[in-house]
């Protein structure tokens, strides 16, 4: 389909904004990216990030513009979880089939790389230039040093809001009639911590594992970096008996780590230092609709669908937005009304589904992964899936190692959970979990659903 070059503004130079710029430049559009922040390539990263987990959807979007190999150079494959339960040896859970892995990438390192790649493609970046207002019908933006300073006006053909959960572009869309919006903060916050490399630059923990210390309503996770360090994230309630509110001194922090995370005791000095140095951040699920305004403005990534990070799909979902948009641009050429309408119609149900899955996964990671019956259930599912790969794909694999719709994964996951509830109450399930009886039971229940 024929496409005429457009003059396009992208608000936000994060991962989604930078990759979208690469896509748009590749098909001949003129692209200018605005960001209120300085160029992150010139400053130290802030210590407010959870390492990214790149999976199939993200790699597919990068592969479409030939960037997959370059990004893999700055990533580490993780093929399993390493579970750290107090008073037990570390045990490992494979993520998927042989060769399936998520990839750990530092957000700061990847963002710098993506800006470099977008610049090389011909994108113009305007850092330290805050967008104060957006004229939606006319695709104009207004920037300035402050709300009261003299503003500069820019006119574009199209505007893409890639400016995150608290998007200025979406804020302007919210003021229009019939715009639906909701945000929900969870009562758990997060803080970034670090486990440094050994003196020889090697990793102190298994470097090809996603490390989890599940502790009920809180947990610690760790993901490896190329320099031998681990980026750790402590998820902890804001208030309550064990909470950020109740850890106010170095001694209290040391006691907290000693009591709940004894196998990282050697790192307590580093963890305690980071605990007070790095900010405590909140997590929000944000939903809205519509995502587009006429044929002029569209929201992409977190500005349309911010989610909590417990499925590692925030970036992957944003990259998938771009992949879908690109396919629609190929199909409909200059018909931006149809492109935008089809984009939001396809992506909205999937964004809602991954929001729900992400919240549920926090409960699973923090509480259930230490529960023997939950672990047995997962073992039964995996055993059955290996024998009947055409009949049972675990929901985690559907989300992480496929590009099937998130909404489909949620629906099938709910059906599988209903089946497994019946399986787990079979008498003496612990001793017969891999028996023909259990296999026949699952097959029978699946047949009932297919009818």
Protein backbone atom coordinates (compact mmCIF):
# COMPACT_ATOMS: atom_id res chain seq x y z
CA UNK A 1 0.00 0.00 0.00
CA UNK A 2 1.39 3.43 -0.98
CA UNK A 3 2.55 5.64 1.88
CA UNK A 4 3.40 9.32 1.73
CA UNK A 5 6.09 10.67 4.09
CA UNK A 6 4.72 12.36 7.22
CA UNK A 7 6.21 14.80 9.69
CA UNK A 8 5.84 12.96 13.01
CA UNK A 9 6.44 13.88 16.67
CA UNK A 10 7.10 11.28 19.34
CA UNK A 11 6.78 12.43 22.95
CA UNK A 12 9.16 10.38 25.15
CA UNK A 13 12.62 8.98 24.37
CA UNK A 14 12.23 5.78 26.38
CA UNK A 15 12.39 2.27 24.95
CA UNK A 16 9.03 2.42 23.15
CA UNK A 17 9.55 5.94 21.78
CA UNK A 18 13.02 5.10 20.48
CA UNK A 19 11.97 1.84 18.79
CA UNK A 20 8.91 3.51 17.23
CA UNK A 21 11.26 6.17 15.82
CA UNK A 22 13.38 3.44 14.19
CA UNK A 23 10.27 1.89 12.59
CA UNK A 24 8.94 5.21 11.31
CA UNK A 25 12.30 6.35 9.90
CA UNK A 26 12.69 3.00 8.16
CA UNK A 27 9.58 3.67 6.05
CA UNK A 28 10.55 7.23 5.19
CA UNK A 29 8.80 9.43 7.76
CA UNK A 30 10.48 12.47 9.31
CA UNK A 31 10.67 11.96 13.10
CA UNK A 32 11.38 14.34 15.99
CA UNK A 33 11.46 12.97 19.57
CA UNK A 34 10.83 15.29 22.53
CA UNK A 35 11.80 14.50 26.13
CA UNK A 36 11.69 16.69 29.22
CA UNK A 37 14.65 14.76 30.67
CA UNK A 38 18.31 15.15 29.67
CA UNK A 39 19.91 12.69 27.27
CA UNK A 40 20.45 9.59 29.45
CA UNK A 41 23.62 8.81 27.51
CA UNK A 42 25.23 11.81 29.24
CA UNK A 43 24.17 11.10 32.84
CA UNK A 44 24.37 8.30 35.39
CA UNK A 45 21.21 6.19 35.46
CA UNK A 46 18.97 6.94 38.43
CA UNK A 47 18.63 3.65 40.35
CA UNK A 48 14.87 3.43 39.80
CA UNK A 49 14.53 0.49 37.48
CA UNK A 50 13.83 -3.20 37.48
CA UNK A 51 15.99 -5.08 34.98
CA UNK A 52 14.08 -5.91 31.83
CA UNK A 53 13.12 -9.42 30.78
CA UNK A 54 13.06 -9.52 26.99
CA UNK A 55 10.94 -12.39 25.63
CA UNK A 56 9.49 -13.52 22.31
CA UNK A 57 7.27 -10.51 21.65
CA UNK A 58 10.10 -8.05 22.22
CA UNK A 59 12.55 -10.02 20.08
CA UNK A 60 9.98 -10.26 17.28
CA UNK A 61 9.56 -6.46 17.22
CA UNK A 62 13.33 -5.91 17.24
CA UNK A 63 13.88 -8.59 14.59
CA UNK A 64 11.45 -6.87 12.23
CA UNK A 65 13.88 -3.93 11.94
CA UNK A 66 17.06 -6.02 12.13
CA UNK A 67 18.05 -5.08 15.70
CA UNK A 68 17.74 -8.45 17.46
CA UNK A 69 21.42 -9.45 17.20
CA UNK A 70 22.71 -6.05 18.35
CA UNK A 71 20.49 -6.11 21.44
CA UNK A 72 21.39 -9.73 22.28
CA UNK A 73 25.00 -8.56 22.69
CA UNK A 74 23.94 -6.61 25.82
CA UNK A 75 21.64 -9.31 27.27
CA UNK A 76 22.01 -12.52 29.30
CA UNK A 77 19.69 -15.52 28.71
CA UNK A 78 17.89 -16.90 31.78
CA UNK A 79 16.42 -20.36 31.26
CA UNK A 80 15.17 -20.98 34.81
CA UNK A 81 14.07 -19.57 38.14
CA UNK A 82 16.32 -20.06 41.17
CA UNK A 83 14.14 -20.28 44.28
CA UNK A 84 15.74 -19.23 47.58
CA UNK A 85 13.65 -20.62 50.46
CA UNK A 86 15.03 -20.21 53.98
CA UNK A 87 16.47 -23.41 55.52
CA UNK A 88 16.37 -25.21 52.15
CA UNK A 89 18.93 -25.54 49.37
CA UNK A 90 18.39 -23.36 46.30
CA UNK A 91 16.26 -25.21 43.78
CA UNK A 92 15.73 -24.49 40.11
CA UNK A 93 12.59 -24.43 37.93
CA UNK A 94 13.04 -24.52 34.16
CA UNK A 95 10.97 -21.85 32.41
CA UNK A 96 9.94 -23.72 29.32
CA UNK A 97 11.16 -26.26 26.82
CA UNK A 98 14.85 -26.71 26.01
CA UNK A 99 16.28 -23.54 24.50
CA UNK A 100 13.52 -21.24 25.82
CA UNK A 101 14.75 -18.34 27.94
CA UNK A 102 13.98 -14.79 28.94
CA UNK A 103 16.83 -12.31 28.58
CA UNK A 104 18.03 -9.97 31.33
CA UNK A 105 18.89 -6.45 30.12
CA UNK A 106 19.65 -3.29 32.08
CA UNK A 107 16.97 -0.71 31.25
CA UNK A 108 19.54 2.09 31.17
CA UNK A 109 21.95 0.21 28.90
CA UNK A 110 19.16 -0.76 26.49
CA UNK A 111 17.64 2.73 26.42
CA UNK A 112 21.01 4.27 25.51
CA UNK A 113 21.43 1.68 22.76
CA UNK A 114 17.94 2.33 21.37
CA UNK A 115 18.52 6.11 21.24
CA UNK A 116 21.82 5.51 19.40
CA UNK A 117 20.04 3.27 16.87
CA UNK A 118 17.20 5.76 16.37
CA UNK A 119 19.71 8.59 15.82
CA UNK A 120 21.63 6.47 13.32
CA UNK A 121 18.34 5.96 11.47
CA UNK A 122 17.97 9.75 11.17
CA UNK A 123 15.74 10.63 14.13
CA UNK A 124 16.13 14.12 15.64
CA UNK A 125 16.05 14.15 19.46
CA UNK A 126 15.16 17.25 21.48
CA UNK A 127 16.14 16.58 25.09
CA UNK A 128 15.43 18.95 27.99
CA UNK A 129 12.38 20.16 26.08
CA UNK A 130 9.18 19.61 28.04
CA UNK A 131 5.85 19.43 26.26
CA UNK A 132 3.38 21.59 28.17
CA UNK A 133 0.40 21.45 25.86
CA UNK A 134 -0.93 19.46 22.90
CA UNK A 135 -3.44 20.76 20.36
CA UNK A 136 -4.99 17.40 19.46
CA UNK A 137 -7.16 18.35 16.43
CA UNK A 138 -4.28 20.19 14.75
CA UNK A 139 -1.38 17.95 15.87
CA UNK A 140 0.51 20.84 17.45
CA UNK A 141 2.73 20.69 20.53
CA UNK A 142 3.96 23.50 22.74
CA UNK A 143 7.25 23.31 24.65
CA UNK A 144 9.05 25.58 27.06
CA UNK A 145 11.33 25.84 30.08
CA UNK A 146 8.42 26.26 32.48
CA UNK A 147 4.65 26.56 32.47
CA UNK A 148 4.94 30.35 32.62
CA UNK A 149 7.84 30.79 30.17
CA UNK A 150 7.39 31.63 26.51
CA UNK A 151 6.35 28.47 24.66
CA UNK A 152 7.61 27.25 21.32
CA UNK A 153 5.04 25.86 18.87
CA UNK A 154 5.60 22.87 16.57
CA UNK A 155 3.16 21.61 13.93
CA UNK A 156 3.16 17.95 12.85
CA UNK A 157 1.08 15.56 10.76
CA UNK A 158 0.95 12.95 13.54
CA UNK A 159 1.82 12.75 17.24
CA UNK A 160 2.62 9.58 19.18
CA UNK A 161 2.49 9.71 22.98
CA UNK A 162 5.18 7.36 24.32
CA UNK A 163 5.66 9.31 27.55
CA UNK A 164 4.82 6.66 30.13
CA UNK A 165 2.21 6.00 32.79
CA UNK A 166 1.81 9.71 33.61
CA UNK A 167 1.67 10.82 29.97
CA UNK A 168 1.19 14.49 29.13
CA UNK A 169 -0.40 13.50 25.79
CA UNK A 170 -2.92 11.22 27.50
CA UNK A 171 -3.61 13.89 30.12
CA UNK A 172 -4.73 16.18 27.29
CA UNK A 173 -6.90 13.40 25.80
CA UNK A 174 -8.51 12.82 29.22
CA UNK A 175 -10.05 16.28 29.09
CA UNK A 176 -12.12 15.37 26.06
CA UNK A 177 -15.63 13.95 26.29
CA UNK A 178 -16.14 10.17 26.60
CA UNK A 179 -12.57 9.31 27.49
CA UNK A 180 -12.38 6.40 29.94
CA UNK A 181 -9.52 6.33 32.42
CA UNK A 182 -8.58 4.46 35.59
CA UNK A 183 -5.45 4.02 37.65
CA UNK A 184 -4.84 1.67 40.56
CA UNK A 185 -1.76 1.65 42.76
CA UNK A 186 -0.91 -1.55 44.63
CA UNK A 187 0.09 -1.25 48.29
CA UNK A 188 3.52 -2.72 47.54
CA UNK A 189 6.46 -0.54 46.53
CA UNK A 190 9.87 -1.42 45.17
CA UNK A 191 13.46 -0.41 45.72
CA UNK A 192 16.48 -1.22 43.57
CA UNK A 193 19.47 -2.84 45.30
CA UNK A 194 22.74 -4.29 43.99
CA UNK A 195 24.84 -7.40 44.53
CA UNK A 196 28.27 -6.50 43.11
CA UNK A 197 30.45 -8.86 41.08
CA UNK A 198 33.21 -11.00 42.60
CA UNK A 199 36.65 -9.42 42.54
CA UNK A 200 37.45 -11.29 39.33
CA UNK A 201 34.28 -9.97 37.65
CA UNK A 202 32.29 -13.21 37.89
CA UNK A 203 28.73 -13.48 39.20
CA UNK A 204 28.13 -14.44 42.85
CA UNK A 205 24.95 -16.35 41.97
CA UNK A 206 24.07 -18.54 38.98
CA UNK A 207 24.13 -16.07 36.09
CA UNK A 208 21.57 -17.84 33.88
CA UNK A 209 18.80 -17.82 36.48
CA UNK A 210 16.11 -15.38 37.56
CA UNK A 211 16.60 -15.41 41.35
CA UNK A 212 13.56 -15.13 43.65
CA UNK A 213 13.38 -15.00 47.45
CA UNK A 214 9.60 -15.44 48.05
CA UNK A 215 8.48 -14.33 51.52
CA UNK A 216 4.68 -14.25 51.47
CA UNK A 217 3.52 -10.67 50.96
CA UNK A 218 6.99 -9.46 49.98
CA UNK A 219 9.96 -10.75 47.99
CA UNK A 220 13.41 -10.03 46.61
CA UNK A 221 14.41 -10.75 43.02
CA UNK A 222 17.80 -10.56 41.29
CA UNK A 223 18.71 -10.43 37.60
CA UNK A 224 22.27 -10.57 36.23
CA UNK A 225 24.19 -7.83 34.44
CA UNK A 226 27.06 -8.21 31.97
CA UNK A 227 29.58 -6.73 34.45
CA UNK A 228 29.07 -9.60 36.94
CA UNK A 229 26.71 -7.69 39.22
CA UNK A 230 23.04 -8.39 39.90
CA UNK A 231 20.30 -5.80 39.89
CA UNK A 232 18.06 -6.73 42.82
CA UNK A 233 14.57 -5.44 43.43
CA UNK A 234 12.95 -5.56 46.85
CA UNK A 235 9.13 -5.58 46.69
CA UNK A 236 7.73 -4.66 50.09
CA UNK A 237 4.45 -3.18 51.43
CA UNK A 238 4.54 0.58 52.05
CA UNK A 239 2.88 0.15 55.46
CA UNK A 240 2.40 -2.69 57.94
CA UNK A 241 4.47 -4.83 60.33
CA UNK A 242 7.14 -5.65 57.70
CA UNK A 243 7.21 -2.62 55.44
CA UNK A 244 9.20 0.30 54.11
CA UNK A 245 7.52 2.44 56.77
CA UNK A 246 9.06 0.33 59.55
CA UNK A 247 12.66 0.24 58.27
CA UNK A 248 14.06 3.65 59.09
CA UNK A 249 17.59 3.01 60.43
CA UNK A 250 20.65 1.13 59.19
CA UNK A 251 20.33 -1.30 62.12
CA UNK A 252 16.68 -2.07 61.25
CA UNK A 253 17.65 -2.67 57.63
CA UNK A 254 20.48 -5.01 58.64
CA UNK A 255 18.16 -6.96 60.93
CA UNK A 256 15.56 -7.19 58.15
CA UNK A 257 18.04 -8.68 55.66
CA UNK A 258 19.54 -11.03 58.28
CA UNK A 259 16.13 -12.38 59.27
CA UNK A 260 14.49 -12.77 55.86
CA UNK A 261 17.40 -13.15 53.44
CA UNK A 262 20.14 -14.99 55.35
CA UNK A 263 21.82 -16.41 52.26
CA UNK A 264 22.73 -12.90 51.05
CA UNK A 265 24.18 -11.98 54.44
CA UNK A 266 27.62 -11.28 52.93
CA UNK A 267 25.98 -8.57 50.84
CA UNK A 268 24.13 -6.87 53.71
CA UNK A 269 26.47 -3.86 53.73
CA UNK A 270 25.81 -3.20 50.02
CA UNK A 271 22.09 -3.91 50.33
CA UNK A 272 21.74 -1.64 53.36
CA UNK A 273 23.63 1.20 51.64
CA UNK A 274 21.40 0.96 48.55
CA UNK A 275 18.29 0.70 50.73
CA UNK A 276 18.77 4.25 51.96
CA UNK A 277 20.42 5.66 48.84
CA UNK A 278 17.83 4.60 46.26
CA UNK A 279 14.24 5.85 46.11
CA UNK A 280 11.17 3.78 46.98
CA UNK A 281 8.90 3.67 43.94
CA UNK A 282 5.21 2.94 43.51
CA UNK A 283 3.59 0.62 40.95
CA UNK A 284 0.43 1.41 39.05
CA UNK A 285 -1.96 -0.28 36.65
CA UNK A 286 -3.35 2.32 34.27
CA UNK A 287 -6.12 1.70 31.74
CA UNK A 288 -7.74 4.09 29.28
CA UNK A 289 -9.74 4.21 26.05
CA UNK A 290 -9.72 5.40 23.32
CA UNK A 291 -6.00 5.33 22.62
CA UNK A 292 -6.25 7.55 19.56
CA UNK A 293 -7.68 10.93 18.64
CA UNK A 294 -9.13 11.09 15.14
CA UNK A 295 -6.32 10.39 12.68
CA UNK A 296 -3.80 12.67 14.42
CA UNK A 297 -2.69 11.31 17.80
CA UNK A 298 -2.06 7.84 19.28
CA UNK A 299 -0.82 6.48 22.61
CA UNK A 300 1.73 3.64 22.59
CA UNK A 301 3.18 1.57 25.44
CA UNK A 302 2.75 2.61 29.08
CA UNK A 303 0.94 5.83 28.18
CA UNK A 304 -1.93 3.60 26.98
CA UNK A 305 -1.59 0.62 29.34
CA UNK A 306 0.84 0.79 32.26
CA UNK A 307 1.05 -2.49 34.19
CA UNK A 308 2.81 -3.83 37.29
CA UNK A 309 6.10 -5.57 36.41
CA UNK A 310 5.47 -9.11 37.69
CA UNK A 311 5.23 -10.82 34.32
CA UNK A 312 8.17 -8.98 32.79
CA UNK A 313 5.89 -7.92 29.93
CA UNK A 314 5.70 -4.10 30.14
CA UNK A 315 8.40 -3.46 27.53
CA UNK A 316 7.41 -6.53 25.50
CA UNK A 317 3.79 -5.34 25.32
CA UNK A 318 4.91 -1.85 24.25
CA UNK A 319 7.16 -3.29 21.55
CA UNK A 320 4.28 -5.47 20.37
CA UNK A 321 2.13 -2.31 20.03
CA UNK A 322 4.71 -1.02 17.55
CA UNK A 323 4.85 -4.31 15.65
CA UNK A 324 1.05 -4.29 15.25
CA UNK A 325 1.01 -0.61 14.24
CA UNK A 326 3.64 -1.32 11.58
CA UNK A 327 1.61 -4.20 10.10
CA UNK A 328 -1.43 -1.92 9.92
CA UNK A 329 0.63 0.83 8.25
CA UNK A 330 1.75 -1.72 5.65
CA UNK A 331 -1.85 -2.81 5.11
CA UNK A 332 -3.63 0.56 5.02
CA UNK A 333 -1.00 3.00 3.71
CA UNK A 334 -2.15 6.59 4.29
CA UNK A 335 -5.54 5.68 5.77
CA UNK A 336 -4.63 6.76 9.32
CA UNK A 337 -8.28 6.67 10.46
CA UNK A 338 -8.36 2.93 9.81
CA UNK A 339 -4.80 2.34 11.08
CA UNK A 340 -5.55 3.99 14.43
CA UNK A 341 -9.02 2.42 14.79
CA UNK A 342 -7.76 -1.11 14.09
CA UNK A 343 -4.69 -0.59 16.30
CA UNK A 344 -6.67 0.27 19.43
CA UNK A 345 -9.34 -2.34 18.70
CA UNK A 346 -6.73 -5.11 18.49
CA UNK A 347 -4.46 -4.00 21.33
CA UNK A 348 -6.88 -2.86 24.06
CA UNK A 349 -8.25 -6.34 25.05
CA UNK A 350 -4.70 -7.72 25.10
CA UNK A 351 -3.43 -4.85 27.24
CA UNK A 352 -6.23 -5.46 29.76
CA UNK A 353 -5.39 -9.18 29.80
CA UNK A 354 -1.67 -8.72 30.51
CA UNK A 355 -2.54 -6.21 33.25
CA UNK A 356 -4.61 -8.90 34.98
CA UNK A 357 -1.98 -11.61 34.44
CA UNK A 358 0.77 -9.36 35.79
CA UNK A 359 -1.08 -8.66 39.01
CA UNK A 360 -1.82 -12.35 39.54
CA UNK A 361 1.83 -13.23 38.99
CA UNK A 362 2.86 -11.13 41.98
CA UNK A 363 0.72 -13.34 44.22
CA UNK A 364 2.22 -16.42 42.59
CA UNK A 365 5.86 -15.29 42.84
CA UNK A 366 5.74 -13.96 46.40
CA UNK A 367 3.47 -16.53 48.07
CA UNK A 368 2.74 -19.62 46.03
CA UNK A 369 6.25 -20.48 44.79
CA UNK A 370 7.10 -21.62 48.33
CA UNK A 371 3.93 -23.74 48.65
CA UNK A 372 4.53 -27.51 48.10
CA UNK A 373 1.03 -28.09 46.65
CA UNK A 374 1.46 -25.24 44.17
CA UNK A 375 4.81 -26.67 43.11
CA UNK A 376 3.22 -30.10 42.71
CA UNK A 377 0.48 -28.59 40.55
CA UNK A 378 3.09 -27.00 38.30
CA UNK A 379 4.95 -30.32 38.09
CA UNK A 380 1.74 -32.10 37.02
CA UNK A 381 1.03 -29.42 34.41
CA UNK A 382 4.55 -29.66 33.01
CA UNK A 383 4.44 -33.48 32.92
CA UNK A 384 1.08 -33.44 31.10
CA UNK A 385 2.25 -30.72 28.68
CA UNK A 386 5.30 -32.81 27.74
CA UNK A 387 3.08 -35.82 26.97
CA UNK A 388 0.38 -33.78 25.21
CA UNK A 389 2.01 -30.60 23.81
CA UNK A 390 -0.93 -30.14 21.42
CA UNK A 391 -3.43 -30.08 24.31
CA UNK A 392 -1.69 -28.14 27.08
CA UNK A 393 0.62 -25.13 26.90
CA UNK A 394 1.15 -23.52 30.34
CA UNK A 395 -0.05 -19.93 30.57
CA UNK A 396 3.48 -18.69 31.35
CA UNK A 397 4.72 -20.18 28.08
CA UNK A 398 1.78 -18.70 26.17
CA UNK A 399 2.66 -15.24 27.47
CA UNK A 400 6.44 -15.43 27.38
CA UNK A 401 7.46 -17.86 24.64
CA UNK A 402 4.78 -17.21 22.03
CA UNK A 403 3.18 -14.27 20.29
CA UNK A 404 -0.39 -15.51 20.67
CA UNK A 405 -2.76 -12.82 22.04
CA UNK A 406 -2.52 -12.05 25.76
CA UNK A 407 -6.33 -12.26 25.96
CA UNK A 408 -6.19 -15.84 24.69
CA UNK A 409 -3.54 -16.73 27.29
CA UNK A 410 -5.71 -15.31 30.07
CA UNK A 411 -8.83 -17.20 28.95
CA UNK A 412 -7.01 -20.52 28.48
CA UNK A 413 -5.13 -20.02 31.75
CA UNK A 414 -8.44 -19.62 33.61
CA UNK A 415 -9.74 -22.82 32.02
CA UNK A 416 -6.56 -24.71 32.96
CA UNK A 417 -6.75 -23.45 36.55
CA UNK A 418 -10.33 -24.73 36.86
CA UNK A 419 -9.21 -28.15 35.63
CA UNK A 420 -6.24 -28.26 38.00
CA UNK A 421 -8.46 -27.47 41.00
CA UNK A 422 -10.29 -30.73 40.32
CA UNK A 423 -7.04 -32.63 39.76
CA UNK A 424 -5.42 -31.41 43.00
CA UNK A 425 -8.21 -32.88 45.16
CA UNK A 426 -7.71 -36.42 43.79
CA UNK A 427 -6.99 -38.61 46.85
CA UNK A 428 -3.25 -39.28 47.34
CA UNK A 429 -2.34 -36.94 44.48
CA UNK A 430 1.16 -36.53 45.97
CA UNK A 431 2.03 -40.17 45.21
CA UNK A 432 0.17 -40.58 41.92
CA UNK A 433 0.77 -37.20 40.27
CA UNK A 434 2.43 -38.76 37.20
CA UNK A 435 0.03 -41.73 36.92
CA UNK A 436 -2.26 -42.73 34.06
CA UNK A 437 -5.25 -41.96 36.33
CA UNK A 438 -4.27 -38.29 36.60
CA UNK A 439 -3.51 -38.08 32.88
CA UNK A 440 -6.94 -39.55 32.01
CA UNK A 441 -8.65 -37.15 34.42
CA UNK A 442 -7.09 -34.12 32.73
CA UNK A 443 -7.90 -35.45 29.26
CA UNK A 444 -11.52 -36.01 30.31
CA UNK A 445 -11.88 -32.50 31.73
CA UNK A 446 -10.32 -30.99 28.60
CA UNK A 447 -12.80 -32.94 26.46
CA UNK A 448 -15.67 -31.51 28.53
CA UNK A 449 -14.45 -27.98 27.80
CA UNK A 450 -14.04 -28.67 24.08
CA UNK A 451 -17.71 -29.70 23.92
